[in-house]
Amino acid sequence: METSLNPVWDLLIGPFAEFAFMRRALVATLALSLSAAPLGVFLTLRRMSLLGDALSHAVLPGVAIGFMLAGLSLSAMALGGVIAGMLVAGIAGLVSKFTTLREDASLAAIYLVALALGVTLITGHGTQLDLLHILFGSALGVDNAGLLLVAGVASVSLLALAVLYRGLVLETFDPVFLNASRHTGRGSWLWQQGFLMLVVINLVAGFQTLGTLMAVGLMMLPAVSSRLWHDTLPAQLVNASIQAMLAGCAGLLLSYHFDTPSGPTIIGCAGVLYFVSLLVAPGGWLPRWWNTTHRVA
């Protein structure tokens, strides 16, 4: 019995039991899964899925400026990323307010400029390795400071989401009622801004482990996939977090055993879960095909 369990231990448990860097990466990924994936569910329900992708690119200039001023200082790059993300979101809102452009169009234009600016700044003041580290991250290279940042952001994000939950649900499903309410109508913009702040800080926390280009994957892929499994919001929130955690664990193990980049491997595992959901989830292709053919028969 002991011999038969050894391969399982070596493959699944051994790396986390033997190496501190694997344990740090696991805790950081699980914490990020708990906080980021539920935000992705709200983004999909609000038809703002591409906002997460735009903001993940928009934080790059702030991260680059923090890198220029303080090197690979996590606190400086994180602060710069938060400021840049909120600035881009604010500029996009102003552009859509005072011009004929919709907010998604202005975001698309601004985030492309921000991405180009960030890459230019980093390559002008660092090495190719620095650029790859910031763009694609390194979950296996998370240090104690990075772990504290991710854990702190996850804790604050979950608490804030619990406080904002009722307002976010109202704004998502019945914004007219929210705006008409004499108790919440005058401050309804606070729900939107608070939600955007949560999205930005989670993307900034994610760049340490997944990079600025990959951080949005752990937020959006499990969220989109969870909608295929459940119709109710609480179930989608739980499902998204579970899928994100499974993808994180599987991605770290595959990255360790096959020496692949940890960030893209984690997102690849989330993509596999998404494609499986497309096939076998209640809202996926196979159940819908079965129900259609059975109903015809």
C-alpha atoms as a PDB file:
ATOM      1  CA  MET A   1       0.000   0.000   0.000  1.00  0.00           C
ATOM      2  CA  GLU A   2       2.808   2.397   0.867  1.00  0.00           C
ATOM      3  CA  THR A   3       4.535   1.774  -2.461  1.00  0.00           C
ATOM      4  CA  SER A   4       1.354   2.476  -4.432  1.00  0.00           C
ATOM      5  CA  LEU A   5       0.902   5.805  -2.684  1.00  0.00           C
ATOM      6  CA  ASN A   6       4.441   7.015  -3.338  1.00  0.00           C
ATOM      7  CA  PRO A   7       3.825   8.052  -6.968  1.00  0.00           C
ATOM      8  CA  VAL A   8       0.752  10.004  -5.905  1.00  0.00           C
ATOM      9  CA  TRP A   9       2.742  11.708  -3.156  1.00  0.00           C
ATOM     10  CA  ASP A  10       5.618  12.540  -5.518  1.00  0.00           C
ATOM     11  CA  LEU A  11       3.305  13.976  -8.153  1.00  0.00           C
ATOM     12  CA  LEU A  12       0.706  15.848  -6.106  1.00  0.00           C
ATOM     13  CA  ILE A  13       1.903  16.425  -2.542  1.00  0.00           C
ATOM     14  CA  GLY A  14       5.681  16.128  -2.591  1.00  0.00           C
ATOM     15  CA  PRO A  15       6.493  19.438  -4.319  1.00  0.00           C
ATOM     16  CA  PHE A  16       4.418  21.410  -1.803  1.00  0.00           C
ATOM     17  CA  ALA A  17       5.714  19.448   1.183  1.00  0.00           C
ATOM     18  CA  GLU A  18       9.387  19.709   0.224  1.00  0.00           C
ATOM     19  CA  PHE A  19       9.791  23.247  -1.122  1.00  0.00           C
ATOM     20  CA  ALA A  20       8.887  26.508   0.582  1.00  0.00           C
ATOM     21  CA  PHE A  21       8.631  28.369  -2.747  1.00  0.00           C
ATOM     22  CA  MET A  22       5.922  25.938  -3.883  1.00  0.00           C
ATOM     23  CA  ARG A  23       3.960  26.493  -0.672  1.00  0.00           C
ATOM     24  CA  ARG A  24       4.200  30.262  -1.072  1.00  0.00           C
ATOM     25  CA  ALA A  25       3.059  30.001  -4.683  1.00  0.00           C
ATOM     26  CA  LEU A  26       0.157  27.749  -3.681  1.00  0.00           C
ATOM     27  CA  VAL A  27      -1.071  30.065  -0.911  1.00  0.00           C
ATOM     28  CA  ALA A  28      -0.774  33.128  -3.165  1.00  0.00           C
ATOM     29  CA  THR A  29      -2.654  31.428  -5.995  1.00  0.00           C
ATOM     30  CA  LEU A  30      -5.423  30.153  -3.725  1.00  0.00           C
ATOM     31  CA  ALA A  31      -5.845  33.593  -2.119  1.00  0.00           C
ATOM     32  CA  LEU A  32      -6.018  35.252  -5.527  1.00  0.00           C
ATOM     33  CA  SER A  33      -8.556  32.655  -6.690  1.00  0.00           C
ATOM     34  CA  LEU A  34     -10.843  33.425  -3.760  1.00  0.00           C
ATOM     35  CA  SER A  35     -10.837  37.173  -4.382  1.00  0.00           C
ATOM     36  CA  ALA A  36     -10.456  37.609  -8.156  1.00  0.00           C
ATOM     37  CA  ALA A  37     -12.807  34.955  -9.559  1.00  0.00           C
ATOM     38  CA  PRO A  38     -15.977  36.328  -7.865  1.00  0.00           C
ATOM     39  CA  LEU A  39     -15.197  39.761  -9.302  1.00  0.00           C
ATOM     40  CA  GLY A  40     -15.038  38.135 -12.719  1.00  0.00           C
ATOM     41  CA  VAL A  41     -18.565  36.779 -12.197  1.00  0.00           C
ATOM     42  CA  PHE A  42     -19.861  40.303 -11.591  1.00  0.00           C
ATOM     43  CA  LEU A  43     -17.959  41.561 -14.641  1.00  0.00           C
ATOM     44  CA  THR A  44     -19.614  38.955 -16.867  1.00  0.00           C
ATOM     45  CA  LEU A  45     -23.076  39.623 -15.441  1.00  0.00           C
ATOM     46  CA  ARG A  46     -22.607  43.363 -16.004  1.00  0.00           C
ATOM     47  CA  ARG A  47     -21.421  42.689 -19.575  1.00  0.00           C
ATOM     48  CA  MET A  48     -18.053  44.217 -18.737  1.00  0.00           C
ATOM     49  CA  SER A  49     -15.901  41.152 -19.404  1.00  0.00           C
ATOM     50  CA  LEU A  50     -13.431  43.061 -21.568  1.00  0.00           C
ATOM     51  CA  LEU A  51     -13.005  45.697 -18.854  1.00  0.00           C
ATOM     52  CA  GLY A  52     -10.858  43.319 -16.839  1.00  0.00           C
ATOM     53  CA  ASP A  53      -8.602  42.694 -19.831  1.00  0.00           C
ATOM     54  CA  ALA A  54      -8.332  46.412 -20.536  1.00  0.00           C
ATOM     55  CA  LEU A  55      -7.476  47.271 -16.930  1.00  0.00           C
ATOM     56  CA  SER A  56      -4.909  44.468 -16.700  1.00  0.00           C
ATOM     57  CA  HIS A  57      -3.031  46.121 -19.568  1.00  0.00           C
ATOM     58  CA  ALA A  58      -3.679  49.613 -18.250  1.00  0.00           C
ATOM     59  CA  VAL A  59      -1.772  49.002 -15.006  1.00  0.00           C
ATOM     60  CA  LEU A  60       1.458  48.378 -16.922  1.00  0.00           C
ATOM     61  CA  PRO A  61       2.620  52.030 -17.222  1.00  0.00           C
ATOM     62  CA  GLY A  62       2.203  52.492 -13.456  1.00  0.00           C
ATOM     63  CA  VAL A  63       4.098  49.276 -12.796  1.00  0.00           C
ATOM     64  CA  ALA A  64       6.798  50.446 -15.219  1.00  0.00           C
ATOM     65  CA  ILE A  65       7.150  53.839 -13.510  1.00  0.00           C
ATOM     66  CA  GLY A  66       7.405  52.119 -10.129  1.00  0.00           C
ATOM     67  CA  PHE A  67      10.082  49.857 -11.620  1.00  0.00           C
ATOM     68  CA  MET A  68      11.993  52.866 -12.973  1.00  0.00           C
ATOM     69  CA  LEU A  69      11.941  54.634  -9.615  1.00  0.00           C
ATOM     70  CA  ALA A  70      12.587  51.723  -7.269  1.00  0.00           C
ATOM     71  CA  GLY A  71      13.644  48.730  -9.359  1.00  0.00           C
ATOM     72  CA  LEU A  72      11.860  45.436  -8.687  1.00  0.00           C
ATOM     73  CA  SER A  73      10.241  46.877  -5.565  1.00  0.00           C
ATOM     74  CA  LEU A  74       6.878  45.189  -5.168  1.00  0.00           C
ATOM     75  CA  SER A  75       5.301  48.004  -3.158  1.00  0.00           C
ATOM     76  CA  ALA A  76       6.369  50.700  -5.631  1.00  0.00           C
ATOM     77  CA  MET A  77       5.162  48.736  -8.664  1.00  0.00           C
ATOM     78  CA  ALA A  78       1.890  47.823  -6.937  1.00  0.00           C
ATOM     79  CA  LEU A  79       1.168  51.446  -5.996  1.00  0.00           C
ATOM     80  CA  GLY A  80       1.981  52.600  -9.510  1.00  0.00           C
ATOM     81  CA  GLY A  81      -0.268  49.921 -10.982  1.00  0.00           C
ATOM     82  CA  VAL A  82      -3.252  50.892  -8.808  1.00  0.00           C
ATOM     83  CA  ILE A  83      -2.875  54.576  -9.696  1.00  0.00           C
ATOM     84  CA  ALA A  84      -2.502  53.831 -13.411  1.00  0.00           C
ATOM     85  CA  GLY A  85      -5.486  51.460 -13.480  1.00  0.00           C
ATOM     86  CA  MET A  86      -7.826  53.901 -11.771  1.00  0.00           C
ATOM     87  CA  LEU A  87      -6.520  56.757 -13.932  1.00  0.00           C
ATOM     88  CA  VAL A  88      -7.220  54.866 -17.146  1.00  0.00           C
ATOM     89  CA  ALA A  89     -10.706  53.887 -15.941  1.00  0.00           C
ATOM     90  CA  GLY A  90     -11.413  57.522 -15.051  1.00  0.00           C
ATOM     91  CA  ILE A  91     -10.136  58.842 -18.385  1.00  0.00           C
ATOM     92  CA  ALA A  92     -12.232  56.306 -20.285  1.00  0.00           C
ATOM     93  CA  GLY A  93     -15.303  57.407 -18.345  1.00  0.00           C
ATOM     94  CA  LEU A  94     -14.638  61.080 -19.116  1.00  0.00           C
ATOM     95  CA  VAL A  95     -14.080  60.360 -22.806  1.00  0.00           C
ATOM     96  CA  SER A  96     -17.395  58.498 -23.056  1.00  0.00           C
ATOM     97  CA  LYS A  97     -19.162  61.284 -21.143  1.00  0.00           C
ATOM     98  CA  PHE A  98     -17.964  64.224 -23.237  1.00  0.00           C
ATOM     99  CA  THR A  99     -17.699  62.558 -26.662  1.00  0.00           C
ATOM    100  CA  THR A 100     -19.798  60.230 -28.802  1.00  0.00           C
ATOM    101  CA  LEU A 101     -17.533  57.246 -28.052  1.00  0.00           C
ATOM    102  CA  ARG A 102     -18.860  54.438 -25.868  1.00  0.00           C
ATOM    103  CA  GLU A 103     -16.830  53.538 -22.778  1.00  0.00           C
ATOM    104  CA  ASP A 104     -15.715  50.182 -24.206  1.00  0.00           C
ATOM    105  CA  ALA A 105     -14.322  51.895 -27.314  1.00  0.00           C
ATOM    106  CA  SER A 106     -12.447  54.509 -25.284  1.00  0.00           C
ATOM    107  CA  LEU A 107     -11.084  51.796 -22.987  1.00  0.00           C
ATOM    108  CA  ALA A 108      -9.843  49.782 -25.967  1.00  0.00           C
ATOM    109  CA  ALA A 109      -7.985  52.795 -27.339  1.00  0.00           C
ATOM    110  CA  ILE A 110      -6.515  53.888 -24.018  1.00  0.00           C
ATOM    111  CA  TYR A 111      -5.359  50.462 -22.864  1.00  0.00           C
ATOM    112  CA  LEU A 112      -3.491  49.860 -26.133  1.00  0.00           C
ATOM    113  CA  VAL A 113      -1.657  53.147 -25.672  1.00  0.00           C
ATOM    114  CA  ALA A 114      -0.995  52.272 -22.024  1.00  0.00           C
ATOM    115  CA  LEU A 115       0.363  48.834 -22.955  1.00  0.00           C
ATOM    116  CA  ALA A 116       2.710  50.282 -25.571  1.00  0.00           C
ATOM    117  CA  LEU A 117       3.886  52.966 -23.140  1.00  0.00           C
ATOM    118  CA  GLY A 118       4.510  50.459 -20.361  1.00  0.00           C
ATOM    119  CA  VAL A 119       6.541  48.103 -22.550  1.00  0.00           C
ATOM    120  CA  THR A 120       8.585  51.048 -23.880  1.00  0.00           C
ATOM    121  CA  LEU A 121       9.353  52.312 -20.376  1.00  0.00           C
ATOM    122  CA  ILE A 122      10.396  48.899 -19.085  1.00  0.00           C
ATOM    123  CA  THR A 123      12.602  48.014 -22.051  1.00  0.00           C
ATOM    124  CA  GLY A 124      14.231  51.450 -21.876  1.00  0.00           C
ATOM    125  CA  HIS A 125      15.200  51.069 -18.212  1.00  0.00           C
ATOM    126  CA  GLY A 126      15.543  47.327 -17.698  1.00  0.00           C
ATOM    127  CA  THR A 127      16.453  44.033 -19.317  1.00  0.00           C
ATOM    128  CA  GLN A 128      14.460  41.590 -21.397  1.00  0.00           C
ATOM    129  CA  LEU A 129      14.173  39.406 -18.290  1.00  0.00           C
ATOM    130  CA  ASP A 130      12.584  42.274 -16.350  1.00  0.00           C
ATOM    131  CA  LEU A 131      10.026  42.742 -19.119  1.00  0.00           C
ATOM    132  CA  LEU A 132       9.131  39.044 -19.208  1.00  0.00           C
ATOM    133  CA  HIS A 133       8.849  38.934 -15.416  1.00  0.00           C
ATOM    134  CA  ILE A 134       6.424  41.856 -15.319  1.00  0.00           C
ATOM    135  CA  LEU A 135       4.377  40.748 -18.329  1.00  0.00           C
ATOM    136  CA  PHE A 136       4.083  37.061 -17.450  1.00  0.00           C
ATOM    137  CA  GLY A 137       4.923  36.922 -13.736  1.00  0.00           C
ATOM    138  CA  SER A 138       6.413  34.020 -11.831  1.00  0.00           C
ATOM    139  CA  ALA A 139       4.187  32.264  -9.319  1.00  0.00           C
ATOM    140  CA  LEU A 140       7.083  30.039  -8.296  1.00  0.00           C
ATOM    141  CA  GLY A 141       9.142  33.132  -7.494  1.00  0.00           C
ATOM    142  CA  VAL A 142       6.712  34.714  -5.020  1.00  0.00           C
ATOM    143  CA  ASP A 143       8.600  35.916  -1.930  1.00  0.00           C
ATOM    144  CA  ASN A 144       7.260  36.740   1.521  1.00  0.00           C
ATOM    145  CA  ALA A 145       6.490  40.350   0.536  1.00  0.00           C
ATOM    146  CA  GLY A 146       4.557  39.195  -2.522  1.00  0.00           C
ATOM    147  CA  LEU A 147       2.664  36.646  -0.463  1.00  0.00           C
ATOM    148  CA  LEU A 148       1.685  39.301   2.089  1.00  0.00           C
ATOM    149  CA  LEU A 149       0.512  41.599  -0.712  1.00  0.00           C
ATOM    150  CA  VAL A 150      -1.694  38.948  -2.313  1.00  0.00           C
ATOM    151  CA  ALA A 151      -3.068  37.758   1.039  1.00  0.00           C
ATOM    152  CA  GLY A 152      -3.779  41.322   2.139  1.00  0.00           C
ATOM    153  CA  VAL A 153      -5.530  42.201  -1.130  1.00  0.00           C
ATOM    154  CA  ALA A 154      -7.574  38.994  -1.020  1.00  0.00           C
ATOM    155  CA  SER A 155      -8.680  39.666   2.568  1.00  0.00           C
ATOM    156  CA  VAL A 156      -9.627  43.288   1.875  1.00  0.00           C
ATOM    157  CA  SER A 157     -11.321  42.324  -1.385  1.00  0.00           C
ATOM    158  CA  LEU A 158     -13.498  39.625   0.195  1.00  0.00           C
ATOM    159  CA  LEU A 159     -14.533  41.918   3.053  1.00  0.00           C
ATOM    160  CA  ALA A 160     -15.289  44.774   0.663  1.00  0.00           C
ATOM    161  CA  LEU A 161     -17.254  42.475  -1.647  1.00  0.00           C
ATOM    162  CA  ALA A 162     -19.352  41.337   1.302  1.00  0.00           C
ATOM    163  CA  VAL A 163     -20.088  44.971   2.211  1.00  0.00           C
ATOM    164  CA  LEU A 164     -20.860  46.001  -1.387  1.00  0.00           C
ATOM    165  CA  TYR A 165     -22.727  42.805  -2.284  1.00  0.00           C
ATOM    166  CA  ARG A 166     -26.310  44.074  -2.050  1.00  0.00           C
ATOM    167  CA  GLY A 167     -25.523  47.274  -3.942  1.00  0.00           C
ATOM    168  CA  LEU A 168     -23.623  45.417  -6.650  1.00  0.00           C
ATOM    169  CA  VAL A 169     -26.459  42.933  -7.112  1.00  0.00           C
ATOM    170  CA  LEU A 170     -28.976  45.760  -7.394  1.00  0.00           C
ATOM    171  CA  GLU A 171     -26.797  47.708  -9.821  1.00  0.00           C
ATOM    172  CA  THR A 172     -26.232  44.580 -11.902  1.00  0.00           C
ATOM    173  CA  PHE A 173     -29.825  43.358 -12.165  1.00  0.00           C
ATOM    174  CA  ASP A 174     -31.948  46.454 -11.496  1.00  0.00           C
ATOM    175  CA  PRO A 175     -29.969  49.700 -11.870  1.00  0.00           C
ATOM    176  CA  VAL A 176     -33.173  51.717 -12.316  1.00  0.00           C
ATOM    177  CA  PHE A 177     -34.365  50.729  -8.853  1.00  0.00           C
ATOM    178  CA  LEU A 178     -30.957  51.508  -7.358  1.00  0.00           C
ATOM    179  CA  ASN A 179     -30.895  54.979  -8.896  1.00  0.00           C
ATOM    180  CA  ALA A 180     -34.470  55.642  -7.835  1.00  0.00           C
ATOM    181  CA  SER A 181     -33.919  54.624  -4.226  1.00  0.00           C
ATOM    182  CA  ARG A 182     -33.733  57.618  -1.915  1.00  0.00           C
ATOM    183  CA  HIS A 183     -31.277  55.735   0.306  1.00  0.00           C
ATOM    184  CA  THR A 184     -28.766  54.625  -2.340  1.00  0.00           C
ATOM    185  CA  GLY A 185     -29.560  56.598  -5.462  1.00  0.00           C
ATOM    186  CA  ARG A 186     -27.485  59.639  -4.649  1.00  0.00           C
ATOM    187  CA  GLY A 187     -24.426  57.527  -3.954  1.00  0.00           C
ATOM    188  CA  SER A 188     -24.918  54.856  -6.603  1.00  0.00           C
ATOM    189  CA  TRP A 189     -21.711  55.891  -8.337  1.00  0.00           C
ATOM    190  CA  LEU A 190     -19.858  54.704  -5.220  1.00  0.00           C
ATOM    191  CA  TRP A 191     -20.816  51.107  -6.013  1.00  0.00           C
ATOM    192  CA  GLN A 192     -19.322  51.414  -9.488  1.00  0.00           C
ATOM    193  CA  GLN A 193     -16.122  53.101  -8.316  1.00  0.00           C
ATOM    194  CA  GLY A 194     -15.702  50.735  -5.396  1.00  0.00           C
ATOM    195  CA  PHE A 195     -16.138  47.757  -7.688  1.00  0.00           C
ATOM    196  CA  LEU A 196     -13.587  49.122 -10.176  1.00  0.00           C
ATOM    197  CA  MET A 197     -11.121  49.668  -7.330  1.00  0.00           C
ATOM    198  CA  LEU A 198     -11.507  46.028  -6.280  1.00  0.00           C
ATOM    199  CA  VAL A 199     -10.880  44.877  -9.854  1.00  0.00           C
ATOM    200  CA  VAL A 200      -7.758  47.033 -10.142  1.00  0.00           C
ATOM    201  CA  ILE A 201      -6.171  45.980  -6.849  1.00  0.00           C
ATOM    202  CA  ASN A 202      -6.781  42.301  -7.650  1.00  0.00           C
ATOM    203  CA  LEU A 203      -5.159  42.712 -11.059  1.00  0.00           C
ATOM    204  CA  VAL A 204      -2.207  44.482  -9.422  1.00  0.00           C
ATOM    205  CA  ALA A 205      -1.898  41.694  -6.846  1.00  0.00           C
ATOM    206  CA  GLY A 206      -2.087  39.135  -9.637  1.00  0.00           C
ATOM    207  CA  PHE A 207       0.757  40.594 -11.680  1.00  0.00           C
ATOM    208  CA  GLN A 208       3.289  39.326  -9.113  1.00  0.00           C
ATOM    209  CA  THR A 209       2.226  35.728  -9.710  1.00  0.00           C
ATOM    210  CA  LEU A 210       0.687  35.745 -13.190  1.00  0.00           C
ATOM    211  CA  GLY A 211       2.051  38.909 -14.814  1.00  0.00           C
ATOM    212  CA  THR A 212       0.083  41.884 -16.116  1.00  0.00           C
ATOM    213  CA  LEU A 213      -0.952  39.981 -19.262  1.00  0.00           C
ATOM    214  CA  MET A 214      -2.069  36.795 -17.493  1.00  0.00           C
ATOM    215  CA  ALA A 215      -3.636  38.148 -14.275  1.00  0.00           C
ATOM    216  CA  VAL A 216      -7.016  38.711 -15.894  1.00  0.00           C
ATOM    217  CA  GLY A 217      -7.189  35.034 -16.927  1.00  0.00           C
ATOM    218  CA  LEU A 218      -7.725  33.772 -13.383  1.00  0.00           C
ATOM    219  CA  MET A 219     -10.413  36.418 -12.948  1.00  0.00           C
ATOM    220  CA  MET A 220     -12.402  35.814 -16.142  1.00  0.00           C
ATOM    221  CA  LEU A 221     -12.013  32.197 -17.322  1.00  0.00           C
ATOM    222  CA  PRO A 222     -13.487  30.542 -14.184  1.00  0.00           C
ATOM    223  CA  ALA A 223     -16.193  33.218 -14.061  1.00  0.00           C
ATOM    224  CA  VAL A 224     -17.295  32.610 -17.646  1.00  0.00           C
ATOM    225  CA  SER A 225     -17.143  28.859 -17.119  1.00  0.00           C
ATOM    226  CA  SER A 226     -19.246  29.013 -13.927  1.00  0.00           C
ATOM    227  CA  ARG A 227     -22.161  30.550 -15.849  1.00  0.00           C
ATOM    228  CA  LEU A 228     -22.414  27.330 -17.852  1.00  0.00           C
ATOM    229  CA  TRP A 229     -22.907  25.340 -14.646  1.00  0.00           C
ATOM    230  CA  HIS A 230     -25.295  27.477 -12.583  1.00  0.00           C
ATOM    231  CA  ASP A 231     -28.072  30.022 -12.981  1.00  0.00           C
ATOM    232  CA  THR A 232     -27.942  31.497  -9.475  1.00  0.00           C
ATOM    233  CA  LEU A 233     -25.374  34.108  -8.473  1.00  0.00           C
ATOM    234  CA  PRO A 234     -24.146  32.530  -5.195  1.00  0.00           C
ATOM    235  CA  ALA A 235     -23.516  29.212  -6.947  1.00  0.00           C
ATOM    236  CA  GLN A 236     -21.602  30.970  -9.731  1.00  0.00           C
ATOM    237  CA  LEU A 237     -19.418  32.790  -7.192  1.00  0.00           C
ATOM    238  CA  VAL A 238     -18.512  29.553  -5.405  1.00  0.00           C
ATOM    239  CA  ASN A 239     -18.001  27.606  -8.635  1.00  0.00           C
ATOM    240  CA  ALA A 240     -15.713  30.282 -10.080  1.00  0.00           C
ATOM    241  CA  SER A 241     -13.498  30.297  -6.987  1.00  0.00           C
ATOM    242  CA  ILE A 242     -13.289  26.489  -6.936  1.00  0.00           C
ATOM    243  CA  GLN A 243     -12.368  26.326 -10.627  1.00  0.00           C
ATOM    244  CA  ALA A 244      -9.728  29.028 -10.131  1.00  0.00           C
ATOM    245  CA  MET A 245      -8.219  27.118  -7.202  1.00  0.00           C
ATOM    246  CA  LEU A 246      -8.181  23.850  -9.162  1.00  0.00           C
ATOM    247  CA  ALA A 247      -6.501  25.583 -12.105  1.00  0.00           C
ATOM    248  CA  GLY A 248      -3.961  27.163  -9.754  1.00  0.00           C
ATOM    249  CA  CYS A 249      -3.023  23.882  -8.084  1.00  0.00           C
ATOM    250  CA  ALA A 250      -2.848  21.966 -11.368  1.00  0.00           C
ATOM    251  CA  GLY A 251      -0.889  24.745 -13.064  1.00  0.00           C
ATOM    252  CA  LEU A 252       1.705  24.916 -10.295  1.00  0.00           C
ATOM    253  CA  LEU A 253       2.220  21.152 -10.356  1.00  0.00           C
ATOM    254  CA  LEU A 254       2.534  21.031 -14.141  1.00  0.00           C
ATOM    255  CA  SER A 255       4.885  24.000 -14.090  1.00  0.00           C
ATOM    256  CA  TYR A 256       7.071  22.275 -11.500  1.00  0.00           C
ATOM    257  CA  HIS A 257       7.173  18.845 -13.153  1.00  0.00           C
ATOM    258  CA  PHE A 258       7.548  20.015 -16.769  1.00  0.00           C
ATOM    259  CA  ASP A 259       9.544  23.225 -16.172  1.00  0.00           C
ATOM    260  CA  THR A 260       7.035  25.495 -17.911  1.00  0.00           C
ATOM    261  CA  PRO A 261       6.208  29.145 -17.112  1.00  0.00           C
ATOM    262  CA  SER A 262       3.908  29.091 -14.108  1.00  0.00           C
ATOM    263  CA  GLY A 263       1.569  31.949 -15.077  1.00  0.00           C
ATOM    264  CA  PRO A 264       0.650  30.741 -18.575  1.00  0.00           C
ATOM    265  CA  THR A 265       0.407  27.156 -17.303  1.00  0.00           C
ATOM    266  CA  ILE A 266      -2.138  28.155 -14.650  1.00  0.00           C
ATOM    267  CA  ILE A 267      -4.198  30.064 -17.211  1.00  0.00           C
ATOM    268  CA  GLY A 268      -3.910  27.106 -19.583  1.00  0.00           C
ATOM    269  CA  CYS A 269      -5.411  24.851 -16.915  1.00  0.00           C
ATOM    270  CA  ALA A 270      -8.239  27.357 -16.420  1.00  0.00           C
ATOM    271  CA  GLY A 271      -8.761  27.230 -20.178  1.00  0.00           C
ATOM    272  CA  VAL A 272      -9.003  23.427 -20.088  1.00  0.00           C
ATOM    273  CA  LEU A 273     -11.692  23.646 -17.401  1.00  0.00           C
ATOM    274  CA  TYR A 274     -13.522  26.187 -19.550  1.00  0.00           C
ATOM    275  CA  PHE A 275     -13.509  23.931 -22.617  1.00  0.00           C
ATOM    276  CA  VAL A 276     -14.641  20.957 -20.511  1.00  0.00           C
ATOM    277  CA  SER A 277     -17.488  23.124 -19.235  1.00  0.00           C
ATOM    278  CA  LEU A 278     -18.408  24.067 -22.790  1.00  0.00           C
ATOM    279  CA  LEU A 279     -18.908  20.372 -23.486  1.00  0.00           C
ATOM    280  CA  VAL A 280     -20.441  18.818 -20.364  1.00  0.00           C
ATOM    281  CA  ALA A 281     -21.886  21.624 -18.197  1.00  0.00           C
ATOM    282  CA  PRO A 282     -25.704  21.964 -18.097  1.00  0.00           C
ATOM    283  CA  GLY A 283     -25.400  25.027 -20.317  1.00  0.00           C
ATOM    284  CA  GLY A 284     -22.824  23.405 -22.584  1.00  0.00           C
ATOM    285  CA  TRP A 285     -23.063  21.714 -25.956  1.00  0.00           C
ATOM    286  CA  LEU A 286     -23.596  18.037 -25.059  1.00  0.00           C
ATOM    287  CA  PRO A 287     -26.521  18.503 -22.605  1.00  0.00           C
ATOM    288  CA  ARG A 288     -28.213  20.976 -24.954  1.00  0.00           C
ATOM    289  CA  TRP A 289     -27.724  18.612 -27.897  1.00  0.00           C
ATOM    290  CA  TRP A 290     -29.076  15.676 -25.849  1.00  0.00           C
ATOM    291  CA  ASN A 291     -32.110  17.635 -24.700  1.00  0.00           C
ATOM    292  CA  THR A 292     -32.813  18.813 -28.246  1.00  0.00           C
ATOM    293  CA  THR A 293     -32.568  15.374 -29.837  1.00  0.00           C
ATOM    294  CA  HIS A 294     -34.517  13.726 -27.001  1.00  0.00           C
ATOM    295  CA  ARG A 295     -37.271  16.334 -27.274  1.00  0.00           C
ATOM    296  CA  VAL A 296     -37.449  15.804 -31.054  1.00  0.00           C
ATOM    297  CA  ALA A 297     -37.604  12.043 -30.580  1.00  0.00           C
END
